[in-house]
Structure formats: C-alpha cells, structure tokens
Amino acid sequence: MQTRHTGTVFIVDDDDDFRDSMQWLLESDDLPVRSFSSARDFLSNYKGERGCMLLDVRMPEINGLALQQIMLERGIRLPIVVLSGHGDIPMAVTAMKNGAIDFLEKPFDDEVLIPLVQSALRKGDEQFKDLQQLEQIRKLYEGLSRREKEVMALVVTGKANREIAEDLGISPKTVEVHRSRVMSKMRAESLPELVNQAAQLEG
C-alpha cells in the first residue's frame, strides 16, 4: 500500500477548464487541492502550507518562470511540477534549471500525473521538516550570547581551545566553559552535529 503524504496540491493555471479537470482528477484520488487562475492570486492567498505545485509556464501578467523566481525570493519552498504546451518546452527546461522537479507536456496521460504528484508531495514533506528543523536551530542560536556565538564560529572551523583563546584574547579555561555552554544550548551531542548546524545556518 502506498504511503499517503500530507500537504495540498496547488494548481496555478489560467485555463479554467484545465484547472477544473485537474482538481477533479486529484480530488478523486483523495488529494487536497487548491487552484488559482493567476500567479498573483496564488501569492495573495498562500499562507505557508506544505504541499507541492502544478504550475503552468505560460500565463498573462506573471508567467510561471517569474512566479518561480518570486517564490524563491520569498522563501516559498514548494516542489514544482511545470506544465507546458508544445511550444513552451524551452521555458520548462529553464524552470527545471531553476529548481522545478519535473515537467509535463500538455496534453498528458492522467495516469502519469498521480505518481508524479505523490512524489512531489513526498518531497514537500521532506522540505517542510527541513525548514522546521532549521527554524529550531535558528531559535537555539539566537539564545547564545555574543561571546558564545564567537566561540561557536571558531569551534566549527576545527580550532582547538588554545587557538580560540588566542584569537579572542581569553583564557583556554574560559573557552572551555563557553564551548560547553554552546554545545548545551544548541543541543548538539557532538562536534560534527554542531558543525552541521552551523552549515545549515549559513545555508
């Protein structure tokens, strides 16, 4: 039995009939769907829900590629399946280069769509969990004092306590205390875990 994934399928396409048929098809497979007739409509109503997107590349005002760029700028991390007509393949390829996970050329077989959407929702689940984890790490990091942040920045480069002490003009014993507090406050059980957290913060 295939695992069901949480999240909503957001359809952004200016073709009313196509949107309606896609919504009917996906809802018949028990998938929650929200459809929008334009990029502006989606941007005005999206509230950060997890899920994935079926995005038409050729739309008036804001086309699919432009919406994709706006989403990146706003930190909207929805896996995108691009929908393109025959003449839109170059645009679809560009969308793939910009992070879309796949594209379907219209008209397409309905049986191809469901597994693709399931895969996109699975990816959406993973991205949502990653974002939650990153938010938790950011909160923990904000709880560090200025000195603890300085020590952490040097610890994750692999420097020994003595070297950190010299860099900061404090004693190795003081570095040891700060280092212990950093590990505790960041809930890191090992140096590699702390290094990974620092990499996520920078990313």
C-alpha atoms as a PDB file:
ATOM      1  CA  MET A   1       0.000   0.000   0.000  1.00  0.00           C
ATOM      2  CA  GLN A   2       1.392   3.399  -0.974  1.00  0.00           C
ATOM      3  CA  THR A   3       2.105   5.852   1.825  1.00  0.00           C
ATOM      4  CA  ARG A   4      -0.109   8.913   1.796  1.00  0.00           C
ATOM      5  CA  HIS A   5       1.622  12.231   2.183  1.00  0.00           C
ATOM      6  CA  THR A   6       0.262  15.313   3.851  1.00  0.00           C
ATOM      7  CA  GLY A   7       0.024  18.592   2.036  1.00  0.00           C
ATOM      8  CA  THR A   8      -2.008  20.411  -0.577  1.00  0.00           C
ATOM      9  CA  VAL A   9      -1.609  20.357  -4.339  1.00  0.00           C
ATOM     10  CA  PHE A  10      -1.612  23.980  -5.532  1.00  0.00           C
ATOM     11  CA  ILE A  11      -2.633  24.345  -9.180  1.00  0.00           C
ATOM     12  CA  VAL A  12      -1.693  27.649 -10.834  1.00  0.00           C
ATOM     13  CA  ASP A  13      -3.042  27.840 -14.391  1.00  0.00           C
ATOM     14  CA  ASP A  14      -5.099  30.451 -16.241  1.00  0.00           C
ATOM     15  CA  ASP A  15      -7.114  27.811 -18.168  1.00  0.00           C
ATOM     16  CA  ASP A  16     -10.366  27.394 -16.217  1.00  0.00           C
ATOM     17  CA  ASP A  17     -11.339  24.080 -17.835  1.00  0.00           C
ATOM     18  CA  PHE A  18      -7.894  22.599 -17.308  1.00  0.00           C
ATOM     19  CA  ARG A  19      -7.841  23.680 -13.636  1.00  0.00           C
ATOM     20  CA  ASP A  20     -11.264  22.155 -13.055  1.00  0.00           C
ATOM     21  CA  SER A  21     -10.321  18.848 -14.689  1.00  0.00           C
ATOM     22  CA  MET A  22      -7.042  18.662 -12.734  1.00  0.00           C
ATOM     23  CA  GLN A  23      -8.832  19.428  -9.484  1.00  0.00           C
ATOM     24  CA  TRP A  24     -11.444  16.743 -10.167  1.00  0.00           C
ATOM     25  CA  LEU A  25      -8.750  14.181 -11.055  1.00  0.00           C
ATOM     26  CA  LEU A  26      -6.622  14.840  -7.970  1.00  0.00           C
ATOM     27  CA  GLU A  27      -9.554  15.055  -5.568  1.00  0.00           C
ATOM     28  CA  SER A  28     -10.809  11.703  -6.922  1.00  0.00           C
ATOM     29  CA  ASP A  29      -7.525  10.298  -5.569  1.00  0.00           C
ATOM     30  CA  ASP A  30      -8.263  11.906  -2.167  1.00  0.00           C
ATOM     31  CA  LEU A  31      -5.673  14.659  -2.600  1.00  0.00           C
ATOM     32  CA  PRO A  32      -6.433  18.116  -1.147  1.00  0.00           C
ATOM     33  CA  VAL A  33      -6.343  20.705  -3.933  1.00  0.00           C
ATOM     34  CA  ARG A  34      -6.405  24.492  -4.165  1.00  0.00           C
ATOM     35  CA  SER A  35      -6.462  26.095  -7.584  1.00  0.00           C
ATOM     36  CA  PHE A  36      -5.578  29.610  -8.707  1.00  0.00           C
ATOM     37  CA  SER A  37      -6.164  31.370 -12.011  1.00  0.00           C
ATOM     38  CA  SER A  38      -3.038  33.518 -11.789  1.00  0.00           C
ATOM     39  CA  ALA A  39       0.307  33.860 -10.053  1.00  0.00           C
ATOM     40  CA  ARG A  40      -0.962  36.989  -8.302  1.00  0.00           C
ATOM     41  CA  ASP A  41      -3.978  35.068  -6.975  1.00  0.00           C
ATOM     42  CA  PHE A  42      -1.686  32.395  -5.531  1.00  0.00           C
ATOM     43  CA  LEU A  43       0.730  34.887  -3.946  1.00  0.00           C
ATOM     44  CA  SER A  44      -2.155  36.771  -2.323  1.00  0.00           C
ATOM     45  CA  ASN A  45      -3.671  33.657  -0.759  1.00  0.00           C
ATOM     46  CA  TYR A  46      -0.763  31.324   0.066  1.00  0.00           C
ATOM     47  CA  LYS A  47      -0.205  31.092   3.834  1.00  0.00           C
ATOM     48  CA  GLY A  48       2.866  28.853   4.052  1.00  0.00           C
ATOM     49  CA  GLU A  49       1.087  25.482   3.887  1.00  0.00           C
ATOM     50  CA  ARG A  50       3.079  22.397   2.969  1.00  0.00           C
ATOM     51  CA  GLY A  51       2.446  20.690  -0.339  1.00  0.00           C
ATOM     52  CA  CYS A  52       3.503  20.931  -3.979  1.00  0.00           C
ATOM     53  CA  MET A  53       2.596  22.953  -7.060  1.00  0.00           C
ATOM     54  CA  LEU A  54       1.426  22.263 -10.606  1.00  0.00           C
ATOM     55  CA  LEU A  55       2.493  25.378 -12.447  1.00  0.00           C
ATOM     56  CA  ASP A  56       1.632  26.455 -15.989  1.00  0.00           C
ATOM     57  CA  VAL A  57       4.583  28.291 -17.544  1.00  0.00           C
ATOM     58  CA  ARG A  58       2.626  30.458 -19.972  1.00  0.00           C
ATOM     59  CA  MET A  59       0.254  32.827 -18.146  1.00  0.00           C
ATOM     60  CA  PRO A  60      -0.618  36.529 -18.561  1.00  0.00           C
ATOM     61  CA  GLU A  61       0.954  39.188 -16.293  1.00  0.00           C
ATOM     62  CA  ILE A  62       3.239  36.938 -14.203  1.00  0.00           C
ATOM     63  CA  ASN A  63       4.280  33.791 -16.081  1.00  0.00           C
ATOM     64  CA  GLY A  64       5.390  30.562 -14.455  1.00  0.00           C
ATOM     65  CA  LEU A  65       9.099  31.377 -14.569  1.00  0.00           C
ATOM     66  CA  ALA A  66       8.508  34.770 -12.951  1.00  0.00           C
ATOM     67  CA  LEU A  67       6.358  33.188 -10.221  1.00  0.00           C
ATOM     68  CA  GLN A  68       9.070  30.619  -9.596  1.00  0.00           C
ATOM     69  CA  GLN A  69      11.573  33.461  -9.098  1.00  0.00           C
ATOM     70  CA  ILE A  70       9.237  35.368  -6.765  1.00  0.00           C
ATOM     71  CA  MET A  71       8.719  32.208  -4.700  1.00  0.00           C
ATOM     72  CA  LEU A  72      12.487  31.762  -4.341  1.00  0.00           C
ATOM     73  CA  GLU A  73      12.855  35.385  -3.236  1.00  0.00           C
ATOM     74  CA  ARG A  74      10.064  34.990  -0.662  1.00  0.00           C
ATOM     75  CA  GLY A  75      11.365  31.676   0.655  1.00  0.00           C
ATOM     76  CA  ILE A  76       8.344  29.701  -0.585  1.00  0.00           C
ATOM     77  CA  ARG A  77       9.781  26.196  -0.931  1.00  0.00           C
ATOM     78  CA  LEU A  78       7.134  24.159  -2.726  1.00  0.00           C
ATOM     79  CA  PRO A  79       8.255  21.369  -5.089  1.00  0.00           C
ATOM     80  CA  ILE A  80       7.073  22.457  -8.538  1.00  0.00           C
ATOM     81  CA  VAL A  81       5.924  20.321 -11.459  1.00  0.00           C
ATOM     82  CA  VAL A  82       5.864  22.547 -14.541  1.00  0.00           C
ATOM     83  CA  LEU A  83       3.058  22.179 -17.086  1.00  0.00           C
ATOM     84  CA  SER A  84       3.880  23.269 -20.614  1.00  0.00           C
ATOM     85  CA  GLY A  85       2.371  23.329 -24.071  1.00  0.00           C
ATOM     86  CA  HIS A  86       4.356  22.077 -27.036  1.00  0.00           C
ATOM     87  CA  GLY A  87       5.914  25.474 -27.731  1.00  0.00           C
ATOM     88  CA  ASP A  88       6.842  26.059 -24.092  1.00  0.00           C
ATOM     89  CA  ILE A  89       9.469  23.316 -23.741  1.00  0.00           C
ATOM     90  CA  PRO A  90      12.430  25.772 -23.597  1.00  0.00           C
ATOM     91  CA  MET A  91      10.637  27.611 -20.764  1.00  0.00           C
ATOM     92  CA  ALA A  92      10.014  24.310 -18.986  1.00  0.00           C
ATOM     93  CA  VAL A  93      13.694  23.409 -19.288  1.00  0.00           C
ATOM     94  CA  THR A  94      14.613  26.791 -17.792  1.00  0.00           C
ATOM     95  CA  ALA A  95      12.173  26.156 -14.940  1.00  0.00           C
ATOM     96  CA  MET A  96      13.866  22.802 -14.287  1.00  0.00           C
ATOM     97  CA  LYS A  97      17.246  24.540 -14.130  1.00  0.00           C
ATOM     98  CA  ASN A  98      15.728  26.924 -11.576  1.00  0.00           C
ATOM     99  CA  GLY A  99      14.660  24.074  -9.306  1.00  0.00           C
ATOM    100  CA  ALA A 100      11.405  22.585 -10.623  1.00  0.00           C
ATOM    101  CA  ILE A 101      11.392  18.818 -10.030  1.00  0.00           C
ATOM    102  CA  ASP A 102       9.766  17.762 -13.318  1.00  0.00           C
ATOM    103  CA  PHE A 103       7.645  18.935 -16.192  1.00  0.00           C
ATOM    104  CA  LEU A 104       4.678  17.548 -18.093  1.00  0.00           C
ATOM    105  CA  GLU A 105       3.862  18.475 -21.655  1.00  0.00           C
ATOM    106  CA  LYS A 106       0.158  19.120 -22.300  1.00  0.00           C
ATOM    107  CA  PRO A 107      -1.840  17.100 -23.069  1.00  0.00           C
ATOM    108  CA  PHE A 108      -0.598  14.335 -20.794  1.00  0.00           C
ATOM    109  CA  ASP A 109      -1.886  10.991 -19.587  1.00  0.00           C
ATOM    110  CA  ASP A 110      -3.786  11.286 -16.299  1.00  0.00           C
ATOM    111  CA  GLU A 111      -2.088   8.123 -15.051  1.00  0.00           C
ATOM    112  CA  VAL A 112       1.271   9.876 -15.290  1.00  0.00           C
ATOM    113  CA  LEU A 113       0.142  12.760 -13.104  1.00  0.00           C
ATOM    114  CA  ILE A 114      -0.842  10.999  -9.852  1.00  0.00           C
ATOM    115  CA  PRO A 115       2.519   9.254  -9.175  1.00  0.00           C
ATOM    116  CA  LEU A 116       4.317  12.492 -10.047  1.00  0.00           C
ATOM    117  CA  VAL A 117       2.176  14.469  -7.605  1.00  0.00           C
ATOM    118  CA  GLN A 118       2.682  11.829  -4.903  1.00  0.00           C
ATOM    119  CA  SER A 119       6.435  12.125  -5.406  1.00  0.00           C
ATOM    120  CA  ALA A 120       6.234  15.926  -5.236  1.00  0.00           C
ATOM    121  CA  LEU A 121       4.185  15.761  -2.021  1.00  0.00           C
ATOM    122  CA  ARG A 122       6.768  13.410  -0.515  1.00  0.00           C
ATOM    123  CA  LYS A 123       9.471  15.923  -1.375  1.00  0.00           C
ATOM    124  CA  GLY A 124       7.295  18.679   0.061  1.00  0.00           C
ATOM    125  CA  ASP A 125       7.041  16.744   3.338  1.00  0.00           C
ATOM    126  CA  GLU A 126      10.829  16.467   3.495  1.00  0.00           C
ATOM    127  CA  GLN A 127      11.320  20.167   2.741  1.00  0.00           C
ATOM    128  CA  PHE A 128       8.762  21.154   5.383  1.00  0.00           C
ATOM    129  CA  LYS A 129      10.541  19.059   8.029  1.00  0.00           C
ATOM    130  CA  ASP A 130      13.901  20.523   6.981  1.00  0.00           C
ATOM    131  CA  LEU A 131      12.510  24.052   7.335  1.00  0.00           C
ATOM    132  CA  GLN A 132      11.093  23.244  10.775  1.00  0.00           C
ATOM    133  CA  GLN A 133      14.467  21.867  11.839  1.00  0.00           C
ATOM    134  CA  LEU A 134      16.251  24.955  10.520  1.00  0.00           C
ATOM    135  CA  GLU A 135      13.825  27.227  12.378  1.00  0.00           C
ATOM    136  CA  GLN A 136      14.554  25.311  15.600  1.00  0.00           C
ATOM    137  CA  ILE A 137      18.317  25.656  15.059  1.00  0.00           C
ATOM    138  CA  ARG A 138      17.919  29.405  14.435  1.00  0.00           C
ATOM    139  CA  LYS A 139      15.975  29.817  17.688  1.00  0.00           C
ATOM    140  CA  LEU A 140      18.638  27.936  19.641  1.00  0.00           C
ATOM    141  CA  TYR A 141      21.379  30.009  18.007  1.00  0.00           C
ATOM    142  CA  GLU A 142      19.612  33.271  18.893  1.00  0.00           C
ATOM    143  CA  GLY A 143      19.723  32.092  22.529  1.00  0.00           C
ATOM    144  CA  LEU A 144      23.538  32.210  22.520  1.00  0.00           C
ATOM    145  CA  SER A 145      25.374  35.210  23.930  1.00  0.00           C
ATOM    146  CA  ARG A 146      27.611  37.274  21.648  1.00  0.00           C
ATOM    147  CA  ARG A 147      30.722  35.588  23.076  1.00  0.00           C
ATOM    148  CA  GLU A 148      29.190  32.121  22.716  1.00  0.00           C
ATOM    149  CA  LYS A 149      28.472  32.861  19.042  1.00  0.00           C
ATOM    150  CA  GLU A 150      32.101  33.921  18.584  1.00  0.00           C
ATOM    151  CA  VAL A 151      33.327  30.717  20.213  1.00  0.00           C
ATOM    152  CA  MET A 152      30.947  28.587  18.151  1.00  0.00           C
ATOM    153  CA  ALA A 153      32.139  30.211  14.908  1.00  0.00           C
ATOM    154  CA  LEU A 154      35.732  29.228  15.744  1.00  0.00           C
ATOM    155  CA  VAL A 155      34.911  25.796  17.185  1.00  0.00           C
ATOM    156  CA  VAL A 156      33.223  24.662  13.957  1.00  0.00           C
ATOM    157  CA  THR A 157      36.342  25.541  11.940  1.00  0.00           C
ATOM    158  CA  GLY A 158      38.183  22.852  13.917  1.00  0.00           C
ATOM    159  CA  LYS A 159      40.276  25.151  16.080  1.00  0.00           C
ATOM    160  CA  ALA A 160      41.491  23.889  19.459  1.00  0.00           C
ATOM    161  CA  ASN A 161      40.562  25.694  22.689  1.00  0.00           C
ATOM    162  CA  ARG A 162      44.086  27.159  22.948  1.00  0.00           C
ATOM    163  CA  GLU A 163      43.876  28.647  19.445  1.00  0.00           C
ATOM    164  CA  ILE A 164      40.401  30.063  20.117  1.00  0.00           C
ATOM    165  CA  ALA A 165      41.678  31.575  23.368  1.00  0.00           C
ATOM    166  CA  GLU A 166      44.473  33.329  21.490  1.00  0.00           C
ATOM    167  CA  ASP A 167      42.084  34.604  18.807  1.00  0.00           C
ATOM    168  CA  LEU A 168      39.617  36.025  21.330  1.00  0.00           C
ATOM    169  CA  GLY A 169      42.125  37.150  23.971  1.00  0.00           C
ATOM    170  CA  ILE A 170      40.637  34.998  26.732  1.00  0.00           C
ATOM    171  CA  SER A 171      41.893  32.007  28.703  1.00  0.00           C
ATOM    172  CA  PRO A 172      41.578  28.425  27.428  1.00  0.00           C
ATOM    173  CA  LYS A 173      39.545  27.618  30.555  1.00  0.00           C
ATOM    174  CA  THR A 174      37.042  30.353  29.664  1.00  0.00           C
ATOM    175  CA  VAL A 175      36.850  28.971  26.123  1.00  0.00           C
ATOM    176  CA  GLU A 176      36.122  25.536  27.563  1.00  0.00           C
ATOM    177  CA  VAL A 177      33.223  26.940  29.610  1.00  0.00           C
ATOM    178  CA  HIS A 178      31.776  28.797  26.616  1.00  0.00           C
ATOM    179  CA  ARG A 179      32.224  25.754  24.400  1.00  0.00           C
ATOM    180  CA  SER A 180      30.326  23.586  26.877  1.00  0.00           C
ATOM    181  CA  ARG A 181      27.501  26.129  27.037  1.00  0.00           C
ATOM    182  CA  VAL A 182      27.327  26.320  23.245  1.00  0.00           C
ATOM    183  CA  MET A 183      27.007  22.520  22.971  1.00  0.00           C
ATOM    184  CA  SER A 184      24.310  22.508  25.644  1.00  0.00           C
ATOM    185  CA  LYS A 185      22.293  25.449  24.300  1.00  0.00           C
ATOM    186  CA  MET A 186      22.465  24.171  20.712  1.00  0.00           C
ATOM    187  CA  ARG A 187      21.504  20.668  21.951  1.00  0.00           C
ATOM    188  CA  ALA A 188      24.430  19.267  19.969  1.00  0.00           C
ATOM    189  CA  GLU A 189      25.680  15.919  21.225  1.00  0.00           C
ATOM    190  CA  SER A 190      28.892  16.011  19.191  1.00  0.00           C
ATOM    191  CA  LEU A 191      31.174  18.400  17.317  1.00  0.00           C
ATOM    192  CA  PRO A 192      30.055  17.028  13.899  1.00  0.00           C
ATOM    193  CA  GLU A 193      26.443  17.792  14.858  1.00  0.00           C
ATOM    194  CA  LEU A 194      27.415  21.367  15.800  1.00  0.00           C
ATOM    195  CA  VAL A 195      29.307  21.744  12.516  1.00  0.00           C
ATOM    196  CA  ASN A 196      26.215  20.538  10.646  1.00  0.00           C
ATOM    197  CA  GLN A 197      24.034  23.054  12.493  1.00  0.00           C
ATOM    198  CA  ALA A 198      26.439  25.881  11.603  1.00  0.00           C
ATOM    199  CA  ALA A 199      26.363  24.799   7.945  1.00  0.00           C
ATOM    200  CA  GLN A 200      22.547  24.872   7.956  1.00  0.00           C
ATOM    201  CA  LEU A 201      22.565  28.365   9.461  1.00  0.00           C
ATOM    202  CA  GLU A 202      24.915  29.584   6.747  1.00  0.00           C
ATOM    203  CA  GLY A 203      22.947  27.824   4.007  1.00  0.00           C
END
